[in-house]
Amino acid sequence: MSLLGNLVVNIGANTSGFTRGMNSIQNSMTKGKLKQGSGAGMSLSGRGLGGDMSAKGLTGAVVQGNLLTSALMSAYGTMKDLVSQAVILAAQTEQTKLTFELLTGNRNIGDALFGEMERIAKDTTLSLAETTAAARQLLVTFDATQIPHLVTMLGNISSGMDNVSLNEMAYLLQTSAEEGKLLARDLRQFTTRGIAMPRALKEVLGLFGPGSSAKLNAMISAGQVGFGTVMKAIEKLGSTDMLARQGKTLTGRFNQMRDGFQFLLRDVGVMIVEAFDLKGTAESITAFLRSVQENMWKIKPVVMQIGAAFWSW
């Protein structure tokens, strides 16, 4: 690839010089034709040679050459960027799977959970980065088998709102789960984001009428709203099919198309890593650098002598 890049650069430099030369020739021509001798057969107008050899024709060819050079350089840069992005996506996927393995304590469970997060991302407006981030947050408190349902349920809530992300919903749910009950400050976290948690809680608890809000606040202050009640309220809020409906919108289709390209590029990156043994290459380079570092100190006496000689001089 570097050889092709150097060739493209050299072609561009030479073409630029050639263009300047052609401009000089064109200025010295009479009526766009260059003739040698007095014979008509010696005319270099290009008609008898099967092509237009006039200055205009040659200049046009040079312009086309410049355009081709630019196209080659642009294609080379684009290909290089795509390969780099593909490898980066492959590395990120590997790292996420390792995180899931650590949090679940089992590689197979971690890989299966990653697959579920990818499935949700493919079928909805959510990206893989969003689903995996929420899963990492929830895995701190919940079992791996609960995560797909929780991510879908929380996604139904967040997808219908512009100011609440899936990861925020996962954080709010996890906070209440760790405390084992709903605190007033946690309720404010929901309400300030526009989430109708008070209404859902009152429906679950059977609180209706003008004084229902005051009764709910009193129960929360007394610590009587346990996490089970919070989960029922979340289930009620997230029981819609908002993710599926959003996925059928124009924005949803574009998001799925974007994710489809990312998944394809990532799989290409995995193949590149394996085909060119990038891990082995990186390991070999690292070993070489460490060897150089270890042996570097052996030449310290020589460097000290050179330094002493320099200052003496």
Protein backbone atom coordinates (compact mmCIF):
# COMPACT_ATOMS: atom_id res chain seq x y z
CA MET A 1 0.00 0.00 0.00
CA SER A 2 2.89 2.44 0.74
CA LEU A 3 4.37 1.72 -2.71
CA LEU A 4 1.08 2.67 -4.35
CA GLY A 5 0.90 5.83 -2.26
CA ASN A 6 4.42 6.91 -3.27
CA LEU A 7 3.64 6.18 -6.91
CA VAL A 8 0.47 8.27 -6.78
CA VAL A 9 2.33 11.20 -5.17
CA ASN A 10 5.13 11.07 -7.76
CA ILE A 11 2.63 10.92 -10.62
CA GLY A 12 0.86 13.97 -9.19
CA ALA A 13 4.13 15.94 -8.93
CA ASN A 14 5.25 15.05 -12.45
CA THR A 15 1.80 15.81 -13.92
CA SER A 16 1.81 19.23 -12.30
CA GLY A 17 5.18 20.07 -13.89
CA PHE A 18 4.01 18.73 -17.24
CA THR A 19 0.93 20.94 -17.10
CA ARG A 20 3.07 24.05 -16.62
CA GLY A 21 5.21 23.04 -19.60
CA MET A 22 2.15 22.51 -21.78
CA ASN A 23 0.82 25.95 -20.88
CA SER A 24 4.11 27.46 -22.08
CA ILE A 25 3.92 25.52 -25.35
CA GLN A 26 0.34 26.53 -25.90
CA ASN A 27 1.21 30.22 -25.56
CA SER A 28 3.86 29.91 -28.30
CA MET A 29 1.59 28.15 -30.82
CA THR A 30 -0.06 29.78 -33.80
CA LYS A 31 -3.75 28.89 -34.16
CA GLY A 32 -3.23 25.83 -31.94
CA LYS A 33 -1.06 23.86 -34.43
CA LEU A 34 2.63 22.97 -34.34
CA LYS A 35 4.26 22.23 -37.73
CA GLN A 36 7.68 20.85 -38.53
CA GLY A 37 9.22 21.71 -41.96
CA SER A 38 7.21 22.90 -44.93
CA GLY A 39 5.48 19.67 -45.92
CA ALA A 40 1.87 19.17 -45.09
CA GLY A 41 2.64 15.57 -44.23
CA MET A 42 4.88 16.74 -41.40
CA SER A 43 2.02 18.49 -39.66
CA LEU A 44 1.72 17.56 -36.00
CA SER A 45 -1.82 18.77 -35.69
CA GLY A 46 -2.61 15.18 -34.85
CA ARG A 47 -5.32 14.52 -37.42
CA GLY A 48 -3.18 12.12 -39.41
CA LEU A 49 -1.88 10.33 -36.32
CA GLY A 50 -5.25 9.06 -35.14
CA GLY A 51 -5.68 11.57 -32.35
CA ASP A 52 -5.78 15.22 -31.42
CA MET A 53 -2.17 16.24 -30.72
CA SER A 54 -3.01 19.92 -30.49
CA ALA A 55 -2.18 21.86 -27.33
CA LYS A 56 -5.84 21.82 -26.41
CA GLY A 57 -6.02 18.04 -26.69
CA LEU A 58 -2.82 17.49 -24.73
CA THR A 59 -3.85 19.92 -22.02
CA GLY A 60 -7.18 18.11 -21.74
CA ALA A 61 -5.34 14.83 -21.34
CA VAL A 62 -3.20 16.34 -18.58
CA VAL A 63 -6.33 17.58 -16.80
CA GLN A 64 -7.79 14.08 -17.01
CA GLY A 65 -4.53 12.73 -15.64
CA ASN A 66 -4.75 15.11 -12.68
CA LEU A 67 -8.33 14.05 -12.01
CA LEU A 68 -7.34 10.38 -12.16
CA THR A 69 -4.45 11.01 -9.78
CA SER A 70 -6.75 12.79 -7.33
CA ALA A 71 -9.28 9.97 -7.56
CA LEU A 72 -6.58 7.36 -6.89
CA MET A 73 -5.25 9.27 -3.89
CA SER A 74 -8.80 9.76 -2.52
CA ALA A 75 -9.60 6.06 -2.98
CA TYR A 76 -6.35 5.08 -1.27
CA GLY A 77 -7.09 7.35 1.70
CA THR A 78 -10.67 6.08 1.98
CA MET A 79 -9.57 2.45 1.86
CA LYS A 80 -6.93 3.07 4.50
CA ASP A 81 -9.47 4.76 6.80
CA LEU A 82 -11.99 1.94 6.34
CA VAL A 83 -9.39 -0.72 7.16
CA SER A 84 -8.35 1.20 10.29
CA GLN A 85 -11.96 1.62 11.39
CA ALA A 86 -12.67 -2.06 10.76
CA VAL A 87 -9.76 -3.14 12.96
CA ILE A 88 -10.79 -0.69 15.70
CA LEU A 89 -14.36 -2.02 15.70
CA ALA A 90 -13.05 -5.58 15.93
CA ALA A 91 -10.86 -4.62 18.89
CA GLN A 92 -13.77 -2.87 20.65
CA THR A 93 -15.98 -5.93 20.22
CA GLU A 94 -13.32 -8.19 21.69
CA GLN A 95 -12.91 -5.87 24.67
CA THR A 96 -16.67 -5.69 25.30
CA LYS A 97 -16.94 -9.48 25.26
CA LEU A 98 -14.12 -9.69 27.80
CA THR A 99 -15.99 -7.22 30.04
CA PHE A 100 -19.17 -9.28 29.82
CA GLU A 101 -17.19 -12.42 30.65
CA LEU A 102 -15.74 -10.71 33.72
CA LEU A 103 -19.11 -9.39 34.94
CA THR A 104 -20.99 -12.64 34.33
CA GLY A 105 -18.18 -14.93 35.43
CA ASN A 106 -18.63 -17.13 32.37
CA ARG A 107 -17.36 -16.70 28.82
CA ASN A 108 -20.27 -18.49 27.15
CA ILE A 109 -22.82 -16.44 29.09
CA GLY A 110 -20.94 -13.26 28.27
CA ASP A 111 -20.83 -14.07 24.55
CA ALA A 112 -24.51 -15.00 24.55
CA LEU A 113 -25.40 -11.71 26.25
CA PHE A 114 -23.34 -9.78 23.70
CA GLY A 115 -25.27 -11.53 20.95
CA GLU A 116 -28.56 -10.47 22.54
CA MET A 117 -27.40 -6.86 22.76
CA GLU A 118 -26.43 -6.99 19.09
CA ARG A 119 -29.82 -8.42 18.17
CA ILE A 120 -31.64 -5.61 19.98
CA ALA A 121 -29.43 -3.04 18.24
CA LYS A 122 -30.17 -4.56 14.82
CA ASP A 123 -33.94 -4.56 15.32
CA THR A 124 -34.38 -1.13 16.94
CA THR A 125 -33.13 2.45 16.78
CA LEU A 126 -30.64 1.69 19.56
CA SER A 127 -26.97 1.32 18.67
CA LEU A 128 -24.74 -1.51 19.84
CA ALA A 129 -22.76 0.98 21.92
CA GLU A 130 -25.96 1.99 23.75
CA THR A 131 -27.19 -1.55 24.44
CA THR A 132 -23.82 -2.84 25.62
CA ALA A 133 -23.25 0.21 27.85
CA ALA A 134 -26.64 -0.31 29.50
CA ALA A 135 -25.91 -4.02 29.94
CA ARG A 136 -22.60 -3.26 31.65
CA GLN A 137 -24.41 -0.91 34.03
CA LEU A 138 -27.17 -3.41 34.86
CA LEU A 139 -24.82 -6.40 35.25
CA VAL A 140 -23.49 -4.84 38.44
CA THR A 141 -26.83 -5.60 40.14
CA PHE A 142 -28.93 -7.91 37.95
CA ASP A 143 -28.46 -11.43 36.63
CA ALA A 144 -27.39 -11.83 33.01
CA THR A 145 -30.63 -13.60 32.12
CA GLN A 146 -32.61 -10.47 33.08
CA ILE A 147 -30.57 -8.03 31.02
CA PRO A 148 -32.19 -8.44 27.56
CA HIS A 149 -35.67 -7.87 29.00
CA LEU A 150 -34.52 -4.93 31.11
CA VAL A 151 -32.70 -3.27 28.20
CA THR A 152 -35.77 -3.63 25.98
CA MET A 153 -38.09 -2.32 28.69
CA LEU A 154 -35.88 0.66 29.54
CA GLY A 155 -35.35 1.29 25.84
CA ASN A 156 -39.11 1.55 25.35
CA ILE A 157 -39.13 4.33 27.94
CA SER A 158 -36.07 6.24 26.74
CA SER A 159 -36.87 5.96 23.01
CA GLY A 160 -40.07 7.91 23.51
CA MET A 161 -38.21 10.82 25.13
CA ASP A 162 -35.56 13.16 23.75
CA ASN A 163 -33.80 13.98 27.01
CA VAL A 164 -33.32 10.52 28.54
CA SER A 165 -30.76 8.01 27.33
CA LEU A 166 -30.92 4.26 27.78
CA ASN A 167 -27.83 4.35 29.96
CA GLU A 168 -29.46 6.94 32.26
CA MET A 169 -32.47 4.69 32.69
CA ALA A 170 -30.19 1.77 33.52
CA TYR A 171 -28.39 3.89 36.12
CA LEU A 172 -31.65 5.01 37.78
CA LEU A 173 -32.95 1.45 37.96
CA GLN A 174 -29.72 0.09 39.32
CA THR A 175 -29.57 2.80 42.01
CA SER A 176 -33.03 1.91 43.29
CA ALA A 177 -32.18 -1.80 43.18
CA GLU A 178 -29.07 -1.36 45.31
CA GLU A 179 -30.96 0.70 47.89
CA GLY A 180 -33.81 -1.80 47.96
CA LYS A 181 -36.39 0.95 48.03
CA LEU A 182 -37.31 4.20 46.38
CA LEU A 183 -35.95 7.33 48.00
CA ALA A 184 -37.31 10.83 47.47
CA ARG A 185 -34.12 11.88 45.70
CA ASP A 186 -34.39 8.92 43.33
CA LEU A 187 -37.97 9.85 42.50
CA ARG A 188 -36.79 13.35 41.66
CA GLN A 189 -34.23 11.83 39.29
CA PHE A 190 -37.11 10.31 37.35
CA THR A 191 -39.47 13.29 37.47
CA THR A 192 -36.88 15.91 36.48
CA ARG A 193 -36.28 13.87 33.31
CA GLY A 194 -39.98 13.89 32.51
CA ILE A 195 -40.54 10.22 33.37
CA ALA A 196 -44.04 9.67 34.77
CA MET A 197 -42.87 7.52 37.66
CA PRO A 198 -45.28 9.05 40.24
CA ARG A 199 -48.29 8.21 38.07
CA ALA A 200 -47.08 4.63 37.52
CA LEU A 201 -46.36 4.18 41.25
CA LYS A 202 -49.80 5.42 42.24
CA GLU A 203 -51.43 3.00 39.81
CA VAL A 204 -49.40 0.10 41.20
CA LEU A 205 -50.14 1.07 44.81
CA GLY A 206 -53.81 1.80 44.13
CA LEU A 207 -53.60 5.44 45.14
CA PHE A 208 -56.23 7.58 43.46
CA GLY A 209 -57.92 10.90 44.11
CA PRO A 210 -56.79 14.41 45.07
CA GLY A 211 -54.64 13.28 48.00
CA SER A 212 -52.83 10.47 46.16
CA SER A 213 -49.61 12.44 45.61
CA ALA A 214 -49.34 13.34 49.29
CA LYS A 215 -49.95 9.70 50.28
CA LEU A 216 -47.25 8.54 47.86
CA ASN A 217 -44.72 11.05 49.21
CA ALA A 218 -45.51 9.97 52.77
CA MET A 219 -44.96 6.31 51.88
CA ILE A 220 -41.66 7.11 50.17
CA SER A 221 -40.47 9.15 53.18
CA ALA A 222 -41.37 6.23 55.47
CA GLY A 223 -39.41 3.81 53.25
CA GLN A 224 -42.54 1.83 52.38
CA VAL A 225 -42.04 1.82 48.60
CA GLY A 226 -39.78 -1.16 48.04
CA PHE A 227 -37.86 -2.05 44.90
CA GLY A 228 -40.51 -4.59 43.91
CA THR A 229 -42.98 -1.75 43.58
CA VAL A 230 -40.46 0.26 41.60
CA MET A 231 -40.00 -2.66 39.19
CA LYS A 232 -43.75 -2.97 38.67
CA ALA A 233 -43.94 0.73 37.89
CA ILE A 234 -41.03 0.44 35.45
CA GLU A 235 -42.70 -2.57 33.82
CA LYS A 236 -45.88 -0.52 33.37
CA LEU A 237 -43.98 2.40 31.82
CA GLY A 238 -41.93 0.13 29.57
CA SER A 239 -44.73 -2.16 28.45
CA THR A 240 -45.20 -0.22 25.21
CA ASP A 241 -43.70 -1.34 21.91
CA MET A 242 -42.07 2.04 21.39
CA LEU A 243 -38.73 0.55 20.31
CA ALA A 244 -40.38 -1.55 17.61
CA ARG A 245 -42.46 1.41 16.40
CA GLN A 246 -39.44 3.71 16.36
CA GLY A 247 -37.55 1.10 14.36
CA LYS A 248 -40.13 1.39 11.55
CA THR A 249 -39.77 5.16 11.21
CA LEU A 250 -37.47 6.79 8.67
CA THR A 251 -35.00 7.65 11.42
CA GLY A 252 -35.14 4.09 12.66
CA ARG A 253 -34.47 2.67 9.20
CA PHE A 254 -31.50 4.96 8.73
CA ASN A 255 -30.14 3.96 12.15
CA GLN A 256 -30.49 0.29 11.28
CA MET A 257 -28.72 0.89 7.96
CA ARG A 258 -25.91 2.66 9.81
CA ASP A 259 -25.61 -0.19 12.30
CA GLY A 260 -25.68 -2.74 9.49
CA PHE A 261 -22.66 -1.08 7.90
CA GLN A 262 -20.87 -0.98 11.24
CA PHE A 263 -21.50 -4.68 11.85
CA LEU A 264 -20.25 -5.53 8.35
CA LEU A 265 -17.15 -3.40 8.82
CA ARG A 266 -16.46 -4.99 12.21
CA ASP A 267 -16.65 -8.51 10.76
CA VAL A 268 -14.23 -7.48 8.03
CA GLY A 269 -11.94 -6.19 10.78
CA VAL A 270 -12.07 -9.55 12.55
CA MET A 271 -11.04 -11.28 9.33
CA ILE A 272 -8.19 -8.79 8.78
CA VAL A 273 -6.90 -9.36 12.31
CA GLU A 274 -6.87 -13.12 11.76
CA ALA A 275 -5.60 -13.10 8.16
CA PHE A 276 -2.64 -10.82 8.85
CA ASP A 277 -2.05 -12.10 12.40
CA LEU A 278 -2.08 -8.56 13.80
CA LYS A 279 -1.92 -9.84 17.36
CA GLY A 280 1.19 -11.88 16.61
CA THR A 281 2.77 -8.97 14.77
CA ALA A 282 2.11 -6.60 17.66
CA GLU A 283 3.54 -9.16 20.08
CA SER A 284 6.71 -9.55 18.00
CA ILE A 285 7.24 -5.80 17.75
CA THR A 286 6.69 -5.42 21.49
CA ALA A 287 9.24 -8.15 22.21
CA PHE A 288 11.75 -6.46 19.89
CA LEU A 289 11.29 -3.07 21.55
CA ARG A 290 11.73 -4.60 25.00
CA SER A 291 14.88 -6.34 23.84
CA VAL A 292 16.27 -3.06 22.51
CA GLN A 293 15.41 -1.34 25.78
CA GLU A 294 17.11 -4.05 27.84
CA ASN A 295 20.28 -3.98 25.74
CA MET A 296 20.36 -0.20 25.49
CA TRP A 297 22.02 0.15 28.87
CA LYS A 298 24.98 -1.96 27.75
CA ILE A 299 26.22 0.93 25.62
CA LYS A 300 25.95 3.43 28.47
CA PRO A 301 29.76 3.39 29.17
CA VAL A 302 30.44 4.19 25.52
CA VAL A 303 27.95 7.07 25.57
CA MET A 304 29.52 8.39 28.79
CA GLN A 305 32.99 8.32 27.19
CA ILE A 306 31.73 10.17 24.14
CA GLY A 307 30.13 12.77 26.38
CA ALA A 308 33.32 13.21 28.42
CA ALA A 309 35.41 13.56 25.25
CA PHE A 310 32.99 16.15 23.90
CA TRP A 311 33.20 18.33 26.97
CA SER A 312 37.00 17.97 27.13
CA TRP A 313 37.21 19.13 23.53
